[in-house]
Amino acid sequence: MYAWIWRKLPFGLAGKLAGSLLLATAVVALLWYVVFPWAEPLLPFDDVQVTQDSGVPGGDGGVGTDAPPGMDDHDLPYDITTNNPPSSPGR
């Protein structure tokens, strides 16, 4: 198909390159302004619902029930300062 289009484009190599660029631009514009807006309502990308573990939107789902005493949901249950590698003497 592409070879047929290339053979049918007029005006030598320069015309064929310009014609190819024009055809590619026309196809992209047709997709961008006609096909994609038509197909967008048919696609499920906007059908998003965030739920917790309980499956109820906005429900707490039991979050924070397994935290140790004295800790809230945002505290880390381990010490992050001991996980750092020792710095090399050259730095």
N, C-alpha and C. Protein backbone atom coordinates (compact mmCIF):
# COMPACT_ATOMS: atom_id res chain seq x y z
N MET A 1 0.82 -1.18 0.00
CA MET A 1 0.00 0.00 0.00
C MET A 1 0.87 1.26 0.00
N TYR A 2 1.91 1.27 0.87
CA TYR A 2 2.76 2.46 0.93
C TYR A 2 3.55 2.65 -0.36
N ALA A 3 3.97 1.56 -0.96
CA ALA A 3 4.69 1.65 -2.23
C ALA A 3 3.78 2.20 -3.32
N TRP A 4 2.52 1.80 -3.32
CA TRP A 4 1.57 2.31 -4.31
C TRP A 4 1.37 3.81 -4.13
N ILE A 5 1.22 4.25 -2.86
CA ILE A 5 1.07 5.69 -2.59
C ILE A 5 2.32 6.43 -3.03
N TRP A 6 3.50 5.88 -2.74
CA TRP A 6 4.75 6.54 -3.11
C TRP A 6 4.87 6.67 -4.62
N ARG A 7 4.47 5.64 -5.36
CA ARG A 7 4.53 5.70 -6.82
C ARG A 7 3.54 6.71 -7.40
N LYS A 8 2.39 6.90 -6.75
CA LYS A 8 1.36 7.80 -7.27
C LYS A 8 1.61 9.27 -6.94
N LEU A 9 2.47 9.56 -5.98
CA LEU A 9 2.75 10.96 -5.64
C LEU A 9 3.60 11.59 -6.75
N PRO A 10 3.25 12.82 -7.18
CA PRO A 10 3.95 13.44 -8.32
C PRO A 10 5.18 14.25 -7.90
N PHE A 11 5.89 14.80 -8.89
CA PHE A 11 6.93 15.83 -8.76
C PHE A 11 8.25 15.33 -8.18
N GLY A 12 8.66 14.14 -8.48
CA GLY A 12 9.98 13.67 -8.08
C GLY A 12 10.11 13.46 -6.58
N LEU A 13 11.36 13.38 -6.14
CA LEU A 13 11.63 13.08 -4.73
C LEU A 13 11.14 14.20 -3.80
N ALA A 14 11.37 15.44 -4.14
CA ALA A 14 10.94 16.56 -3.29
C ALA A 14 9.41 16.58 -3.18
N GLY A 15 8.72 16.37 -4.28
CA GLY A 15 7.26 16.34 -4.24
C GLY A 15 6.72 15.15 -3.48
N LYS A 16 7.41 14.02 -3.62
CA LYS A 16 6.97 12.83 -2.89
C LYS A 16 7.15 13.01 -1.38
N LEU A 17 8.25 13.63 -0.97
CA LEU A 17 8.47 13.89 0.47
C LEU A 17 7.44 14.88 1.00
N ALA A 18 7.20 15.95 0.25
CA ALA A 18 6.20 16.94 0.67
C ALA A 18 4.80 16.33 0.68
N GLY A 19 4.48 15.55 -0.34
CA GLY A 19 3.18 14.89 -0.38
C GLY A 19 2.99 13.90 0.75
N SER A 20 4.06 13.16 1.08
CA SER A 20 3.99 12.21 2.20
C SER A 20 3.75 12.94 3.51
N LEU A 21 4.46 14.05 3.70
CA LEU A 21 4.27 14.83 4.92
C LEU A 21 2.86 15.40 4.99
N LEU A 22 2.35 15.87 3.87
CA LEU A 22 0.98 16.39 3.82
C LEU A 22 -0.05 15.29 4.11
N LEU A 23 0.13 14.12 3.54
CA LEU A 23 -0.79 13.01 3.80
C LEU A 23 -0.75 12.58 5.26
N ALA A 24 0.46 12.48 5.83
CA ALA A 24 0.58 12.08 7.23
C ALA A 24 -0.07 13.12 8.14
N THR A 25 0.12 14.40 7.85
CA THR A 25 -0.50 15.46 8.64
C THR A 25 -2.02 15.41 8.52
N ALA A 26 -2.53 15.13 7.34
CA ALA A 26 -3.98 15.03 7.15
C ALA A 26 -4.57 13.85 7.93
N VAL A 27 -3.87 12.73 7.93
CA VAL A 27 -4.35 11.56 8.68
C VAL A 27 -4.36 11.85 10.17
N VAL A 28 -3.30 12.45 10.69
CA VAL A 28 -3.23 12.78 12.12
C VAL A 28 -4.33 13.78 12.49
N ALA A 29 -4.56 14.79 11.65
CA ALA A 29 -5.61 15.77 11.94
C ALA A 29 -6.99 15.12 11.89
N LEU A 30 -7.22 14.24 10.94
CA LEU A 30 -8.50 13.53 10.87
C LEU A 30 -8.72 12.69 12.12
N LEU A 31 -7.70 11.97 12.56
CA LEU A 31 -7.84 11.18 13.78
C LEU A 31 -8.06 12.07 15.00
N TRP A 32 -7.27 13.14 15.12
CA TRP A 32 -7.30 14.00 16.31
C TRP A 32 -8.62 14.75 16.45
N TYR A 33 -9.13 15.28 15.34
CA TYR A 33 -10.30 16.16 15.41
C TYR A 33 -11.62 15.47 15.10
N VAL A 34 -11.60 14.29 14.49
CA VAL A 34 -12.85 13.63 14.11
C VAL A 34 -13.01 12.28 14.81
N VAL A 35 -12.07 11.39 14.61
CA VAL A 35 -12.22 10.01 15.09
C VAL A 35 -12.11 9.93 16.62
N PHE A 36 -11.09 10.52 17.21
CA PHE A 36 -10.92 10.43 18.66
C PHE A 36 -12.05 11.10 19.44
N PRO A 37 -12.51 12.31 19.07
CA PRO A 37 -13.66 12.89 19.78
C PRO A 37 -14.92 12.04 19.63
N TRP A 38 -15.11 11.41 18.48
CA TRP A 38 -16.28 10.54 18.30
C TRP A 38 -16.17 9.31 19.20
N ALA A 39 -14.97 8.73 19.34
CA ALA A 39 -14.80 7.48 20.08
C ALA A 39 -14.66 7.70 21.59
N GLU A 40 -14.34 8.91 22.02
CA GLU A 40 -14.08 9.14 23.45
C GLU A 40 -15.24 8.75 24.36
N PRO A 41 -16.49 9.08 24.06
CA PRO A 41 -17.57 8.67 24.96
C PRO A 41 -17.76 7.16 25.02
N LEU A 42 -17.27 6.44 24.04
CA LEU A 42 -17.42 4.99 24.03
C LEU A 42 -16.35 4.28 24.84
N LEU A 43 -15.29 4.98 25.22
CA LEU A 43 -14.18 4.37 25.95
C LEU A 43 -14.37 4.54 27.46
N PRO A 44 -13.89 3.58 28.26
CA PRO A 44 -14.15 3.61 29.71
C PRO A 44 -13.14 4.41 30.52
N PHE A 45 -12.35 5.32 29.92
CA PHE A 45 -11.29 5.99 30.65
C PHE A 45 -11.81 6.97 31.71
N ASP A 46 -13.01 7.52 31.55
CA ASP A 46 -13.54 8.47 32.52
C ASP A 46 -14.41 7.80 33.58
N ASP A 47 -14.59 6.51 33.50
CA ASP A 47 -15.42 5.78 34.45
C ASP A 47 -14.54 5.26 35.58
N VAL A 48 -14.12 6.16 36.46
CA VAL A 48 -13.19 5.83 37.52
C VAL A 48 -13.88 6.00 38.86
N GLN A 49 -13.70 5.02 39.74
CA GLN A 49 -14.26 5.10 41.08
C GLN A 49 -13.23 4.55 42.06
N VAL A 50 -12.86 5.37 43.03
CA VAL A 50 -11.87 4.97 44.01
C VAL A 50 -12.60 4.41 45.22
N THR A 51 -12.23 3.20 45.61
CA THR A 51 -12.85 2.57 46.78
C THR A 51 -11.76 2.10 47.72
N GLN A 52 -12.14 1.88 48.96
CA GLN A 52 -11.23 1.31 49.94
C GLN A 52 -11.37 -0.20 49.91
N ASP A 53 -10.72 -0.90 50.87
CA ASP A 53 -10.77 -2.36 50.91
C ASP A 53 -12.18 -2.89 51.11
N SER A 54 -13.03 -2.09 51.74
CA SER A 54 -14.38 -2.56 52.01
C SER A 54 -15.24 -2.59 50.76
N GLY A 55 -14.81 -1.91 49.68
CA GLY A 55 -15.58 -1.85 48.46
C GLY A 55 -16.60 -0.73 48.45
N VAL A 56 -16.71 0.00 49.55
CA VAL A 56 -17.66 1.10 49.66
C VAL A 56 -16.91 2.39 49.35
N PRO A 57 -17.39 3.18 48.37
CA PRO A 57 -16.71 4.44 48.08
C PRO A 57 -16.70 5.36 49.29
N GLY A 58 -15.51 5.80 49.68
CA GLY A 58 -15.39 6.71 50.82
C GLY A 58 -15.37 6.00 52.15
N GLY A 59 -15.58 4.70 52.19
CA GLY A 59 -15.54 3.97 53.45
C GLY A 59 -14.12 3.82 53.92
N ASP A 60 -13.93 3.63 55.24
CA ASP A 60 -12.56 3.52 55.74
C ASP A 60 -11.97 2.15 55.48
N GLY A 61 -12.78 1.12 55.30
CA GLY A 61 -12.29 -0.19 54.97
C GLY A 61 -11.42 -0.80 56.03
N GLY A 62 -11.50 -0.29 57.26
CA GLY A 62 -10.69 -0.85 58.33
C GLY A 62 -9.26 -0.36 58.29
N VAL A 63 -8.99 0.75 57.66
CA VAL A 63 -7.63 1.27 57.57
C VAL A 63 -7.19 1.75 58.94
N GLY A 64 -6.01 1.38 59.33
CA GLY A 64 -5.45 1.82 60.59
C GLY A 64 -5.78 0.92 61.77
N THR A 65 -6.50 -0.13 61.58
CA THR A 65 -6.86 -0.99 62.70
C THR A 65 -5.72 -1.89 63.12
N ASP A 66 -4.72 -2.10 62.24
CA ASP A 66 -3.61 -2.99 62.59
C ASP A 66 -2.35 -2.22 63.00
N ALA A 67 -2.46 -0.91 63.23
CA ALA A 67 -1.30 -0.12 63.65
C ALA A 67 -0.98 -0.42 65.10
N PRO A 68 0.34 -0.50 65.42
CA PRO A 68 0.73 -0.73 66.82
C PRO A 68 0.27 0.43 67.70
N PRO A 69 0.15 0.19 69.01
CA PRO A 69 -0.28 1.26 69.91
C PRO A 69 0.69 2.44 69.87
N GLY A 70 0.14 3.63 69.89
CA GLY A 70 0.96 4.84 69.89
C GLY A 70 1.33 5.32 68.50
N MET A 71 0.90 4.61 67.45
CA MET A 71 1.22 5.00 66.08
C MET A 71 -0.07 5.33 65.34
N ASP A 72 0.00 6.30 64.44
CA ASP A 72 -1.15 6.56 63.60
C ASP A 72 -0.90 5.95 62.22
N ASP A 73 -1.78 6.23 61.27
CA ASP A 73 -1.68 5.61 59.94
C ASP A 73 -0.47 6.10 59.14
N HIS A 74 0.12 7.25 59.54
CA HIS A 74 1.19 7.82 58.74
C HIS A 74 2.58 7.53 59.31
N ASP A 75 2.67 6.95 60.48
CA ASP A 75 3.97 6.61 61.04
C ASP A 75 4.50 5.33 60.40
N LEU A 76 5.81 5.30 60.21
CA LEU A 76 6.43 4.10 59.65
C LEU A 76 6.74 3.13 60.79
N PRO A 77 6.49 1.86 60.62
CA PRO A 77 6.71 0.89 61.71
C PRO A 77 8.16 0.45 61.82
N TYR A 78 9.10 1.17 61.21
CA TYR A 78 10.51 0.81 61.29
C TYR A 78 11.34 2.08 61.26
N ASP A 79 12.59 1.95 61.61
CA ASP A 79 13.49 3.09 61.66
C ASP A 79 14.17 3.25 60.31
N ILE A 80 13.94 4.37 59.64
CA ILE A 80 14.50 4.55 58.30
C ILE A 80 15.95 5.04 58.34
N THR A 81 16.44 5.45 59.48
CA THR A 81 17.83 5.93 59.54
C THR A 81 18.81 4.78 59.49
N THR A 82 18.41 3.59 59.87
CA THR A 82 19.33 2.46 59.84
C THR A 82 19.40 1.81 58.47
N ASN A 83 18.53 2.18 57.54
CA ASN A 83 18.54 1.60 56.21
C ASN A 83 19.45 2.32 55.26
N ASN A 84 20.02 3.44 55.66
CA ASN A 84 20.90 4.21 54.80
C ASN A 84 22.26 3.53 54.73
N PRO A 85 22.83 3.37 53.52
CA PRO A 85 24.17 2.76 53.44
C PRO A 85 25.20 3.74 53.98
N PRO A 86 26.30 3.21 54.51
CA PRO A 86 27.35 4.11 55.03
C PRO A 86 27.96 4.90 53.88
N SER A 87 28.30 6.16 54.17
CA SER A 87 28.88 7.00 53.14
C SER A 87 30.35 6.61 52.96
N SER A 88 30.80 6.71 51.72
CA SER A 88 32.19 6.37 51.43
C SER A 88 33.10 7.52 51.87
N PRO A 89 34.34 7.22 52.24
CA PRO A 89 35.25 8.29 52.72
C PRO A 89 35.58 9.30 51.62
N GLY A 90 35.44 8.94 50.35
CA GLY A 90 35.80 9.85 49.27
C GLY A 90 34.75 10.92 49.00
N ARG A 91 33.60 10.82 49.61
CA ARG A 91 32.54 11.79 49.32
C ARG A 91 32.45 12.84 50.36
